[in-house]
Amino acid sequence: MNANQTLNTNRLALRPVAPSDVGAVWDIHSDPATNAHNPAGPMRDRFEATKLAQDWSSDWMHDAIGYWAIACVEAPERVIGFGGIRRTELRGRQFYNLYYRLASSTWGQGYASELATEAVAQWARLRQRLPVIARTTPENVASQKTAVRAGLHRRPDWDEIADGVTHIVFALGFERER
């Protein structure tokens, strides 16, 4: 997939994030509801949204993989969330981070699981040697269920406490690192 392509699942249109998505990044990431389990809380400055949209867009240029802007197939112009896999580092090791954040108005419809499953399938199709991980907090049960539905497994050996916040880890692909 390149920076100009859209991938459709049964119900979702997934396309690489573009700098022009800054408004949707702001709307979703500044919403207190979508950040109820985010230790950093909602975004407070629109500049953060600009920087995030630019960073996510540049991932596609450098790695040919990154987070998608998510829309429903029947309304592809209306971004309802962001997610996918993106290269990251944890404890000095490279991983792909599985991420999903959708507008609260779309919750309960299975979109996060559909997106996460497609992201893991993309990772498998690309035969990525780096593992894919999802980090969440212990109380974010919905996120944990989404990670498991996407095929990840609990990895308590990678849990950590950072800045007083417990993060639990789900992963897939540690066996590919060879």
Foldseek 3Di string as FASTA:
>chain_A
DAQPDWDDDPWKIWHQQALVCLVVLQVQQQDQVLCVFPPVGGDDDSVVSNVVSVVSSVQRVVVVFGKTQMDTPVCHVDGFWIWAWGWDDDPRDIATETDITGHPVPPPPCPLLRRLLVRVVVCVVVLDLHKYKYKGAPVPVVSVVSLVSSPWAWDQVRWDADPNGTITMTIDRPVSND
